[in-house]
Amino acid sequence: MWRVAAFLAISIMMIVIEVPSLIKRKKRKELWTFSILLFVGIVLGITVSLGVEVRSPLELIKIIYGPISKGE
């Protein structure tokens, strides 16, 4: 549980440091990109810290591109 709290504290510090400057400079696209990537990172970080097995995204890529590489 401490890992989750530490992870959230670090994430909040990142938000406090980065978001105000992005808003001040009116960088909407960068703010959205930062928010989405940070959210995905937080979710993955918390799941890993709780001991949940997270599958590799490479497996999905193999499923999608497998038939293409075999020439089907």
PDB file of N, CA and C in Angstrom:
ATOM      1  N   MET A   1       0.822  -1.198   0.000  1.00  0.00           N
ATOM      2  CA  MET A   1       0.000   0.000   0.000  1.00  0.00           C
ATOM      3  C   MET A   1       0.866   1.262   0.000  1.00  0.00           C
ATOM      4  N   TRP A   2       2.025   1.167   0.646  1.00  0.00           N
ATOM      5  CA  TRP A   2       2.924   2.324   0.677  1.00  0.00           C
ATOM      6  C   TRP A   2       3.444   2.650  -0.706  1.00  0.00           C
ATOM      7  N   ARG A   3       3.636   1.614  -1.514  1.00  0.00           N
ATOM      8  CA  ARG A   3       4.114   1.845  -2.877  1.00  0.00           C
ATOM      9  C   ARG A   3       3.097   2.649  -3.678  1.00  0.00           C
ATOM     10  N   VAL A   4       1.831   2.310  -3.505  1.00  0.00           N
ATOM     11  CA  VAL A   4       0.772   3.033  -4.225  1.00  0.00           C
ATOM     12  C   VAL A   4       0.738   4.486  -3.771  1.00  0.00           C
ATOM     13  N   ALA A   5       0.834   4.710  -2.475  1.00  0.00           N
ATOM     14  CA  ALA A   5       0.818   6.081  -1.951  1.00  0.00           C
ATOM     15  C   ALA A   5       2.020   6.874  -2.451  1.00  0.00           C
ATOM     16  N   ALA A   6       3.186   6.249  -2.462  1.00  0.00           N
ATOM     17  CA  ALA A   6       4.383   6.929  -2.965  1.00  0.00           C
ATOM     18  C   ALA A   6       4.252   7.221  -4.451  1.00  0.00           C
ATOM     19  N   PHE A   7       3.718   6.267  -5.185  1.00  0.00           N
ATOM     20  CA  PHE A   7       3.532   6.454  -6.622  1.00  0.00           C
ATOM     21  C   PHE A   7       2.574   7.610  -6.898  1.00  0.00           C
ATOM     22  N   LEU A   8       1.475   7.664  -6.152  1.00  0.00           N
ATOM     23  CA  LEU A   8       0.517   8.760  -6.326  1.00  0.00           C
ATOM     24  C   LEU A   8       1.119  10.102  -5.909  1.00  0.00           C
ATOM     25  N   ALA A   9       1.917  10.118  -4.861  1.00  0.00           N
ATOM     26  CA  ALA A   9       2.546  11.365  -4.419  1.00  0.00           C
ATOM     27  C   ALA A   9       3.501  11.900  -5.480  1.00  0.00           C
ATOM     28  N   ILE A  10       4.280  11.014  -6.073  1.00  0.00           N
ATOM     29  CA  ILE A  10       5.198  11.438  -7.136  1.00  0.00           C
ATOM     30  C   ILE A  10       4.422  11.930  -8.347  1.00  0.00           C
ATOM     31  N   SER A  11       3.329  11.251  -8.673  1.00  0.00           N
ATOM     32  CA  SER A  11       2.506  11.672  -9.812  1.00  0.00           C
ATOM     33  C   SER A  11       1.889  13.045  -9.575  1.00  0.00           C
ATOM     34  N   ILE A  12       1.429  13.281  -8.365  1.00  0.00           N
ATOM     35  CA  ILE A  12       0.846  14.582  -8.034  1.00  0.00           C
ATOM     36  C   ILE A  12       1.905  15.677  -8.118  1.00  0.00           C
ATOM     37  N   MET A  13       3.119  15.368  -7.674  1.00  0.00           N
ATOM     38  CA  MET A  13       4.201  16.353  -7.784  1.00  0.00           C
ATOM     39  C   MET A  13       4.488  16.675  -9.247  1.00  0.00           C
ATOM     40  N   MET A  14       4.457  15.665 -10.104  1.00  0.00           N
ATOM     41  CA  MET A  14       4.672  15.902 -11.534  1.00  0.00           C
ATOM     42  C   MET A  14       3.579  16.801 -12.102  1.00  0.00           C
ATOM     43  N   ILE A  15       2.344  16.564 -11.694  1.00  0.00           N
ATOM     44  CA  ILE A  15       1.225  17.377 -12.168  1.00  0.00           C
ATOM     45  C   ILE A  15       1.394  18.822 -11.706  1.00  0.00           C
ATOM     46  N   VAL A  16       1.736  19.006 -10.440  1.00  0.00           N
ATOM     47  CA  VAL A  16       1.894  20.357  -9.887  1.00  0.00           C
ATOM     48  C   VAL A  16       3.010  21.114 -10.602  1.00  0.00           C
ATOM     49  N   ILE A  17       4.056  20.412 -10.994  1.00  0.00           N
ATOM     50  CA  ILE A  17       5.182  21.067 -11.663  1.00  0.00           C
ATOM     51  C   ILE A  17       4.878  21.370 -13.125  1.00  0.00           C
ATOM     52  N   GLU A  18       4.274  20.438 -13.840  1.00  0.00           N
ATOM     53  CA  GLU A  18       4.143  20.556 -15.292  1.00  0.00           C
ATOM     54  C   GLU A  18       2.878  21.271 -15.773  1.00  0.00           C
ATOM     55  N   VAL A  19       1.744  20.975 -15.170  1.00  0.00           N
ATOM     56  CA  VAL A  19       0.463  21.460 -15.700  1.00  0.00           C
ATOM     57  C   VAL A  19       0.336  22.984 -15.685  1.00  0.00           C
ATOM     58  N   PRO A  20       0.696  23.681 -14.616  1.00  0.00           N
ATOM     59  CA  PRO A  20       0.532  25.141 -14.651  1.00  0.00           C
ATOM     60  C   PRO A  20       1.289  25.820 -15.794  1.00  0.00           C
ATOM     61  N   SER A  21       2.494  25.348 -16.083  1.00  0.00           N
ATOM     62  CA  SER A  21       3.244  25.975 -17.180  1.00  0.00           C
ATOM     63  C   SER A  21       2.615  25.664 -18.532  1.00  0.00           C
ATOM     64  N   LEU A  22       2.055  24.474 -18.685  1.00  0.00           N
ATOM     65  CA  LEU A  22       1.381  24.143 -19.943  1.00  0.00           C
ATOM     66  C   LEU A  22       0.120  24.985 -20.124  1.00  0.00           C
ATOM     67  N   ILE A  23      -0.600  25.209 -19.044  1.00  0.00           N
ATOM     68  CA  ILE A  23      -1.804  26.041 -19.118  1.00  0.00           C
ATOM     69  C   ILE A  23      -1.426  27.492 -19.395  1.00  0.00           C
ATOM     70  N   LYS A  24      -0.389  27.978 -18.731  1.00  0.00           N
ATOM     71  CA  LYS A  24       0.044  29.366 -18.909  1.00  0.00           C
ATOM     72  C   LYS A  24       0.460  29.635 -20.358  1.00  0.00           C
ATOM     73  N   ARG A  25       1.167  28.674 -20.959  1.00  0.00           N
ATOM     74  CA  ARG A  25       1.627  28.846 -22.341  1.00  0.00           C
ATOM     75  C   ARG A  25       0.579  28.417 -23.371  1.00  0.00           C
ATOM     76  N   LYS A  26      -0.616  28.028 -22.891  1.00  0.00           N
ATOM     77  CA  LYS A  26      -1.741  27.615 -23.741  1.00  0.00           C
ATOM     78  C   LYS A  26      -1.352  26.466 -24.678  1.00  0.00           C
ATOM     79  N   LYS A  27      -0.692  25.483 -24.126  1.00  0.00           N
ATOM     80  CA  LYS A  27      -0.277  24.291 -24.875  1.00  0.00           C
ATOM     81  C   LYS A  27      -1.320  23.192 -24.651  1.00  0.00           C
ATOM     82  N   ARG A  28      -2.441  23.300 -25.347  1.00  0.00           N
ATOM     83  CA  ARG A  28      -3.534  22.355 -25.139  1.00  0.00           C
ATOM     84  C   ARG A  28      -3.186  20.940 -25.575  1.00  0.00           C
ATOM     85  N   LYS A  29      -2.586  20.794 -26.755  1.00  0.00           N
ATOM     86  CA  LYS A  29      -2.256  19.455 -27.249  1.00  0.00           C
ATOM     87  C   LYS A  29      -1.243  18.772 -26.333  1.00  0.00           C
ATOM     88  N   GLU A  30      -0.255  19.526 -25.900  1.00  0.00           N
ATOM     89  CA  GLU A  30       0.747  18.967 -25.009  1.00  0.00           C
ATOM     90  C   GLU A  30       0.139  18.597 -23.657  1.00  0.00           C
ATOM     91  N   LEU A  31      -0.814  19.401 -23.193  1.00  0.00           N
ATOM     92  CA  LEU A  31      -1.483  19.113 -21.930  1.00  0.00           C
ATOM     93  C   LEU A  31      -2.286  17.820 -22.027  1.00  0.00           C
ATOM     94  N   TRP A  32      -3.009  17.644 -23.128  1.00  0.00           N
ATOM     95  CA  TRP A  32      -3.768  16.408 -23.330  1.00  0.00           C
ATOM     96  C   TRP A  32      -2.843  15.202 -23.428  1.00  0.00           C
ATOM     97  N   THR A  33      -1.772  15.349 -24.182  1.00  0.00           N
ATOM     98  CA  THR A  33      -0.819  14.247 -24.321  1.00  0.00           C
ATOM     99  C   THR A  33      -0.198  13.899 -22.975  1.00  0.00           C
ATOM    100  N   PHE A  34       0.227  14.909 -22.238  1.00  0.00           N
ATOM    101  CA  PHE A  34       0.802  14.695 -20.912  1.00  0.00           C
ATOM    102  C   PHE A  34      -0.200  13.997 -19.999  1.00  0.00           C
ATOM    103  N   SER A  35      -1.446  14.449 -20.024  1.00  0.00           N
ATOM    104  CA  SER A  35      -2.468  13.884 -19.145  1.00  0.00           C
ATOM    105  C   SER A  35      -2.748  12.424 -19.469  1.00  0.00           C
ATOM    106  N   ILE A  36      -2.884  12.118 -20.749  1.00  0.00           N
ATOM    107  CA  ILE A  36      -3.185  10.740 -21.151  1.00  0.00           C
ATOM    108  C   ILE A  36      -2.023   9.811 -20.807  1.00  0.00           C
ATOM    109  N   LEU A  37      -0.810  10.225 -21.160  1.00  0.00           N
ATOM    110  CA  LEU A  37       0.346   9.377 -20.874  1.00  0.00           C
ATOM    111  C   LEU A  37       0.571   9.213 -19.373  1.00  0.00           C
ATOM    112  N   LEU A  38       0.363  10.276 -18.613  1.00  0.00           N
ATOM    113  CA  LEU A  38       0.517  10.175 -17.165  1.00  0.00           C
ATOM    114  C   LEU A  38      -0.540   9.251 -16.575  1.00  0.00           C
ATOM    115  N   PHE A  39      -1.777   9.343 -17.063  1.00  0.00           N
ATOM    116  CA  PHE A  39      -2.845   8.471 -16.577  1.00  0.00           C
ATOM    117  C   PHE A  39      -2.517   7.006 -16.845  1.00  0.00           C
ATOM    118  N   VAL A  40      -2.082   6.713 -18.069  1.00  0.00           N
ATOM    119  CA  VAL A  40      -1.715   5.335 -18.414  1.00  0.00           C
ATOM    120  C   VAL A  40      -0.558   4.867 -17.529  1.00  0.00           C
ATOM    121  N   GLY A  41       0.418   5.729 -17.337  1.00  0.00           N
ATOM    122  CA  GLY A  41       1.548   5.382 -16.484  1.00  0.00           C
ATOM    123  C   GLY A  41       1.148   5.141 -15.038  1.00  0.00           C
ATOM    124  N   ILE A  42       0.233   5.955 -14.531  1.00  0.00           N
ATOM    125  CA  ILE A  42      -0.233   5.778 -13.157  1.00  0.00           C
ATOM    126  C   ILE A  42      -0.963   4.451 -13.007  1.00  0.00           C
ATOM    127  N   VAL A  43      -1.857   4.162 -13.946  1.00  0.00           N
ATOM    128  CA  VAL A  43      -2.613   2.907 -13.881  1.00  0.00           C
ATOM    129  C   VAL A  43      -1.670   1.707 -13.938  1.00  0.00           C
ATOM    130  N   LEU A  44      -0.744   1.719 -14.888  1.00  0.00           N
ATOM    131  CA  LEU A  44       0.197   0.602 -15.000  1.00  0.00           C
ATOM    132  C   LEU A  44       1.102   0.508 -13.773  1.00  0.00           C
ATOM    133  N   GLY A  45       1.568   1.629 -13.286  1.00  0.00           N
ATOM    134  CA  GLY A  45       2.434   1.623 -12.111  1.00  0.00           C
ATOM    135  C   GLY A  45       1.742   1.082 -10.872  1.00  0.00           C
ATOM    136  N   ILE A  46       0.499   1.471 -10.678  1.00  0.00           N
ATOM    137  CA  ILE A  46      -0.245   0.989  -9.514  1.00  0.00           C
ATOM    138  C   ILE A  46      -0.526  -0.503  -9.637  1.00  0.00           C
ATOM    139  N   THR A  47      -0.914  -0.955 -10.821  1.00  0.00           N
ATOM    140  CA  THR A  47      -1.193  -2.387 -10.980  1.00  0.00           C
ATOM    141  C   THR A  47       0.063  -3.225 -10.756  1.00  0.00           C
ATOM    142  N   VAL A  48       1.191  -2.760 -11.252  1.00  0.00           N
ATOM    143  CA  VAL A  48       2.441  -3.499 -11.035  1.00  0.00           C
ATOM    144  C   VAL A  48       2.827  -3.473  -9.560  1.00  0.00           C
ATOM    145  N   SER A  49       2.654  -2.335  -8.901  1.00  0.00           N
ATOM    146  CA  SER A  49       3.022  -2.248  -7.485  1.00  0.00           C
ATOM    147  C   SER A  49       2.106  -3.097  -6.602  1.00  0.00           C
ATOM    148  N   LEU A  50       0.904  -3.379  -7.075  1.00  0.00           N
ATOM    149  CA  LEU A  50      -0.005  -4.247  -6.324  1.00  0.00           C
ATOM    150  C   LEU A  50       0.232  -5.724  -6.614  1.00  0.00           C
ATOM    151  N   GLY A  51       1.152  -6.008  -7.523  1.00  0.00           N
ATOM    152  CA  GLY A  51       1.489  -7.398  -7.815  1.00  0.00           C
ATOM    153  C   GLY A  51       0.653  -8.038  -8.903  1.00  0.00           C
ATOM    154  N   VAL A  52      -0.116  -7.255  -9.621  1.00  0.00           N
ATOM    155  CA  VAL A  52      -0.925  -7.788 -10.714  1.00  0.00           C
ATOM    156  C   VAL A  52      -0.022  -7.984 -11.923  1.00  0.00           C
ATOM    157  N   GLU A  53      -0.156  -9.148 -12.570  1.00  0.00           N
ATOM    158  CA  GLU A  53       0.665  -9.421 -13.745  1.00  0.00           C
ATOM    159  C   GLU A  53       0.117  -8.638 -14.936  1.00  0.00           C
ATOM    160  N   VAL A  54       0.944  -7.805 -15.510  1.00  0.00           N
ATOM    161  CA  VAL A  54       0.557  -6.991 -16.660  1.00  0.00           C
ATOM    162  C   VAL A  54       1.182  -7.614 -17.902  1.00  0.00           C
ATOM    163  N   ARG A  55       0.338  -7.924 -18.876  1.00  0.00           N
ATOM    164  CA  ARG A  55       0.839  -8.534 -20.103  1.00  0.00           C
ATOM    165  C   ARG A  55       1.564  -7.499 -20.943  1.00  0.00           C
ATOM    166  N   SER A  56       2.494  -7.989 -21.708  1.00  0.00           N
ATOM    167  CA  SER A  56       3.289  -7.125 -22.566  1.00  0.00           C
ATOM    168  C   SER A  56       2.467  -6.682 -23.774  1.00  0.00           C
ATOM    169  N   PRO A  57       2.574  -5.422 -24.187  1.00  0.00           N
ATOM    170  CA  PRO A  57       1.865  -4.981 -25.387  1.00  0.00           C
ATOM    171  C   PRO A  57       2.420  -5.628 -26.654  1.00  0.00           C
ATOM    172  N   LEU A  58       3.591  -6.234 -26.555  1.00  0.00           N
ATOM    173  CA  LEU A  58       4.175  -6.906 -27.706  1.00  0.00           C
ATOM    174  C   LEU A  58       3.312  -8.082 -28.159  1.00  0.00           C
ATOM    175  N   GLU A  59       2.611  -8.725 -27.236  1.00  0.00           N
ATOM    176  CA  GLU A  59       1.732  -9.836 -27.599  1.00  0.00           C
ATOM    177  C   GLU A  59       0.607  -9.363 -28.515  1.00  0.00           C
ATOM    178  N   LEU A  60       0.035  -8.214 -28.239  1.00  0.00           N
ATOM    179  CA  LEU A  60      -1.016  -7.659 -29.090  1.00  0.00           C
ATOM    180  C   LEU A  60      -0.472  -7.323 -30.470  1.00  0.00           C
ATOM    181  N   ILE A  61       0.723  -6.783 -30.526  1.00  0.00           N
ATOM    182  CA  ILE A  61       1.340  -6.453 -31.813  1.00  0.00           C
ATOM    183  C   ILE A  61       1.580  -7.716 -32.621  1.00  0.00           C
ATOM    184  N   LYS A  62       2.005  -8.788 -31.964  1.00  0.00           N
ATOM    185  CA  LYS A  62       2.217 -10.060 -32.661  1.00  0.00           C
ATOM    186  C   LYS A  62       0.910 -10.600 -33.228  1.00  0.00           C
ATOM    187  N   ILE A  63      -0.168 -10.472 -32.480  1.00  0.00           N
ATOM    188  CA  ILE A  63      -1.471 -10.948 -32.952  1.00  0.00           C
ATOM    189  C   ILE A  63      -1.922 -10.151 -34.169  1.00  0.00           C
ATOM    190  N   ILE A  64      -1.725  -8.851 -34.141  1.00  0.00           N
ATOM    191  CA  ILE A  64      -2.170  -7.996 -35.241  1.00  0.00           C
ATOM    192  C   ILE A  64      -1.323  -8.208 -36.484  1.00  0.00           C
ATOM    193  N   TYR A  65      -0.008  -8.215 -36.315  1.00  0.00           N
ATOM    194  CA  TYR A  65       0.881  -8.266 -37.471  1.00  0.00           C
ATOM    195  C   TYR A  65       1.329  -9.677 -37.840  1.00  0.00           C
ATOM    196  N   GLY A  66       0.955 -10.675 -37.067  1.00  0.00           N
ATOM    197  CA  GLY A  66       1.334 -12.055 -37.367  1.00  0.00           C
ATOM    198  C   GLY A  66       0.872 -12.518 -38.739  1.00  0.00           C
ATOM    199  N   PRO A  67      -0.413 -12.356 -39.071  1.00  0.00           N
ATOM    200  CA  PRO A  67      -0.869 -12.782 -40.399  1.00  0.00           C
ATOM    201  C   PRO A  67      -0.211 -12.006 -41.541  1.00  0.00           C
ATOM    202  N   ILE A  68       0.120 -10.771 -41.317  1.00  0.00           N
ATOM    203  CA  ILE A  68       0.759  -9.968 -42.370  1.00  0.00           C
ATOM    204  C   ILE A  68       2.161 -10.497 -42.652  1.00  0.00           C
ATOM    205  N   SER A  69       2.889 -10.844 -41.596  1.00  0.00           N
ATOM    206  CA  SER A  69       4.258 -11.319 -41.792  1.00  0.00           C
ATOM    207  C   SER A  69       4.296 -12.709 -42.415  1.00  0.00           C
ATOM    208  N   LYS A  70       3.213 -13.491 -42.258  1.00  0.00           N
ATOM    209  CA  LYS A  70       3.152 -14.823 -42.854  1.00  0.00           C
ATOM    210  C   LYS A  70       2.662 -14.772 -44.292  1.00  0.00           C
ATOM    211  N   GLY A  71       2.221 -13.608 -44.735  1.00  0.00           N
ATOM    212  CA  GLY A  71       1.773 -13.450 -46.115  1.00  0.00           C
ATOM    213  C   GLY A  71       0.341 -13.883 -46.356  1.00  0.00           C
ATOM    214  N   GLU A  72      -0.479 -13.899 -45.346  1.00  0.00           N
ATOM    215  CA  GLU A  72      -1.877 -14.311 -45.508  1.00  0.00           C
ATOM    216  C   GLU A  72      -2.737 -13.160 -45.947  1.00  0.00           C
TER     217      GLU A  72
END
